[in-house]
Protein backbone atom coordinates (compact mmCIF):
# COMPACT_ATOMS: atom_id res chain seq x y z
CA MET A 1 103.18 104.25 86.33
CA ALA A 2 101.38 107.56 86.87
CA VAL A 3 98.07 105.87 87.73
CA GLN A 4 99.63 103.76 90.49
CA ARG A 5 101.52 106.76 91.84
CA LEU A 6 98.30 108.77 91.71
CA SER A 7 96.33 106.09 93.48
CA ARG A 8 98.94 105.99 96.22
CA THR A 9 99.34 109.75 96.42
CA LEU A 10 95.65 110.53 96.17
CA GLY A 11 94.45 107.56 98.15
CA VAL A 12 97.05 107.81 100.86
CA LEU A 13 97.35 111.52 101.30
CA MET A 14 93.99 112.71 100.44
CA LEU A 15 93.73 112.65 96.92
CA ALA A 16 95.67 110.74 98.84
CA ALA A 17 97.05 109.25 96.85
CA LEU A 18 99.01 113.05 95.25
CA VAL A 19 106.67 121.99 87.29
CA SER A 20 108.28 124.45 88.91
CA GLY A 21 108.52 125.58 92.46
CA CYS A 22 108.00 128.87 94.09
CA ALA A 23 111.13 130.07 95.77
CA ALA A 24 110.84 131.53 99.21
CA ASP A 25 110.61 135.30 99.20
CA PRO A 26 114.16 136.45 100.03
CA SER A 27 112.79 139.52 101.79
CA VAL A 28 111.01 137.30 104.33
CA GLU A 29 113.20 136.53 107.32
CA PRO A 30 112.62 132.94 108.42
CA THR A 31 111.88 132.50 112.08
CA PRO A 32 114.02 130.13 114.14
CA THR A 33 113.26 126.42 114.10
CA PRO A 34 110.25 125.92 116.31
CA THR A 35 110.88 124.35 119.65
CA PHE A 36 108.03 122.75 121.44
CA ALA A 37 107.67 122.87 125.19
CA ASN A 38 106.46 119.28 125.35
CA GLU A 39 105.26 116.34 123.28
CA ASP A 40 101.61 117.46 123.48
CA GLU A 41 102.52 120.79 121.90
CA ALA A 42 104.55 119.07 119.18
CA PHE A 43 101.70 116.66 118.43
CA ALA A 44 99.20 119.54 118.25
CA ALA A 45 101.42 121.31 115.68
CA ALA A 46 101.90 118.11 113.68
CA GLU A 47 98.17 117.39 113.70
CA ALA A 48 97.30 120.94 112.63
CA THR A 49 99.88 120.72 109.84
CA TYR A 50 98.61 117.43 108.50
CA ARG A 51 94.98 118.54 108.63
CA ALA A 52 95.87 121.76 106.75
CA TYR A 53 97.69 119.64 104.17
CA VAL A 54 94.67 117.35 103.69
CA ASP A 55 92.40 120.41 103.44
CA ALA A 56 94.69 121.78 100.70
CA LEU A 57 94.58 118.44 98.86
CA ASN A 58 90.78 118.47 99.07
CA GLN A 59 90.78 121.85 97.28
CA VAL A 60 92.91 120.73 94.32
CA ASP A 61 91.33 121.18 90.89
CA LEU A 62 93.54 119.30 88.43
CA ALA A 63 92.47 121.70 85.66
CA ASP A 64 93.79 124.68 87.65
CA PRO A 65 97.48 124.46 88.62
CA ALA A 66 97.10 127.49 90.87
CA THR A 67 95.21 125.20 93.29
CA PHE A 68 98.33 123.03 93.64
CA GLU A 69 100.28 125.82 95.33
CA GLU A 70 98.65 125.43 98.74
CA VAL A 71 99.62 121.74 98.78
CA TYR A 72 103.19 122.64 97.86
CA ALA A 73 103.27 125.19 100.70
CA TRP A 74 102.51 122.43 103.24
CA THR A 75 105.15 120.01 101.90
CA THR A 76 108.87 119.52 101.53
CA GLY A 77 111.15 116.73 100.37
CA GLU A 78 109.60 113.61 98.88
CA ALA A 79 106.05 114.71 99.71
CA ASN A 80 106.56 117.89 97.69
CA ALA A 81 108.35 116.14 94.80
CA GLY A 82 105.67 113.43 94.62
CA ALA A 83 102.82 115.93 94.61
CA ARG A 84 104.50 117.96 91.86
CA ARG A 85 105.04 114.88 89.68
CA SER A 86 101.52 113.56 90.17
CA PHE A 87 99.74 116.88 89.73
CA SER A 88 101.78 117.71 86.63
CA GLU A 89 101.05 114.34 85.01
CA LEU A 90 97.36 114.39 85.91
CA HIS A 91 96.94 117.98 84.74
CA ALA A 92 98.65 117.14 81.44
CA THR A 93 96.35 114.16 80.84
CA GLY A 94 93.19 116.12 81.64
CA ALA A 95 92.22 113.94 84.62
CA VAL A 96 89.45 115.08 86.95
CA VAL A 97 89.31 114.34 90.68
CA THR A 98 86.08 114.24 92.68
CA GLY A 99 85.35 113.61 96.32
CA SER A 100 87.39 114.41 99.38
CA THR A 101 89.50 112.67 101.94
CA GLY A 102 88.52 112.58 105.58
CA VAL A 103 91.00 112.25 108.41
CA GLN A 104 89.59 109.44 110.49
CA SER A 105 92.30 109.47 113.15
CA LEU A 106 95.81 110.70 113.88
CA SER A 107 98.15 109.46 116.57
CA VAL A 108 101.72 110.32 117.47
CA VAL A 109 104.44 107.80 116.69
CA ARG A 110 107.29 110.02 117.82
CA THR A 111 108.24 113.62 118.34
CA ASP A 112 111.68 115.20 118.53
CA LEU A 113 111.53 118.35 120.62
CA ALA A 114 115.09 119.30 119.72
CA ASP A 115 114.60 119.56 115.95
CA GLY A 116 110.84 120.13 115.81
CA SER A 117 110.07 116.97 113.83
CA ALA A 118 107.35 114.40 114.33
CA GLU A 119 105.94 111.21 112.91
CA LEU A 120 102.22 110.46 112.89
CA SER A 121 100.09 107.44 112.17
CA ALA A 122 97.10 108.49 110.07
CA CYS A 123 93.91 106.75 109.05
CA LEU A 124 92.20 108.34 106.07
CA ASP A 125 88.81 107.69 104.53
CA VAL A 126 89.31 107.95 100.77
CA SER A 127 86.11 106.14 99.81
CA SER A 128 84.63 109.15 98.01
CA ILE A 129 87.79 109.95 95.99
CA ASP A 130 87.63 109.19 92.29
CA VAL A 131 89.96 110.25 89.53
CA ARG A 132 88.70 110.04 85.97
CA ALA A 133 90.50 110.16 82.65
CA PRO A 134 89.04 112.41 79.93
CA ASP A 135 87.24 109.36 78.47
CA GLY A 136 85.43 108.89 81.81
CA SER A 137 87.30 105.78 82.92
CA SER A 138 88.40 105.64 86.54
CA LEU A 139 92.14 105.88 87.23
CA VAL A 140 91.75 104.63 90.80
CA ASP A 141 93.05 101.13 91.43
CA ALA A 142 90.06 98.78 91.67
CA ASP A 143 91.69 97.11 94.69
CA ARG A 144 92.13 100.34 96.66
CA VAL A 145 90.89 100.04 100.22
CA ASP A 146 88.58 102.80 101.45
CA ILE A 147 90.53 103.37 104.67
CA GLN A 148 94.20 104.11 104.11
CA VAL A 149 96.71 103.71 106.92
CA LEU A 150 99.95 105.63 106.61
CA THR A 151 102.93 107.03 108.40
CA VAL A 152 103.45 110.77 108.01
CA LYS A 153 106.83 112.39 108.67
CA LEU A 154 106.86 116.10 109.44
CA GLU A 155 109.74 118.56 109.71
CA SER A 156 110.04 121.99 111.17
CA SER A 157 109.43 124.99 108.93
CA ALA A 158 109.67 128.70 109.44
CA PHE A 159 107.26 129.30 106.57
CA THR A 160 103.98 127.82 107.85
CA SER A 161 101.63 128.97 110.57
CA THR A 162 102.07 125.68 112.44
CA GLY A 163 105.86 125.61 112.25
CA MET A 164 105.87 122.27 110.41
CA VAL A 165 105.53 120.76 106.92
CA VAL A 166 104.81 117.26 105.63
CA ALA A 167 108.09 115.70 104.47
CA ASP A 168 107.02 112.17 103.53
CA THR A 169 104.13 109.77 103.68
CA THR A 170 104.33 106.01 103.50
CA GLY A 171 101.42 103.65 103.17
CA ARG A 172 101.52 100.87 105.74
CA THR A 173 100.92 97.28 104.83
CA GLY A 174 100.06 94.52 107.22
CA ASP A 175 98.34 96.08 110.23
CA GLN A 176 95.59 98.17 108.64
CA ARG A 177 93.59 98.83 111.80
CA CYS A 178 92.75 102.35 112.73
């Protein structure tokens, strides 16, 4: 259901819980896959990527699809597909999002220096996020917890300033400590 997917996407990822794509400009030569000198450098790139992604989510105006583009630029794979589905459905229904997500903490789960990928554990404060239907009713699950714990998978990218993009996010159940 769109509301559950929204709650997860917007609540988990910023809206967190989050059409057509923009193709890469063929005249732009991609740079080689980033290689990181060490795990600290890889974590710094992953952290900067995820924070930029959350900042982009915080700027989304569901009435203005142009604001979705920055989120799409920071994502690939399932994260991109999920954002596109959710934003398209919410835009079509006339939903309105208010509030913003705060990154409470990020920690490294793993990094792969060879392929430029990483996995983070993130704790997000989504307590101020609300999504309303045109009739004013809230679309946020009444049982949503204010602090969301998730695993974020990132991949290398030649098209972002950090050299990485968010590929997938998964809410964690069980251990919800940050």
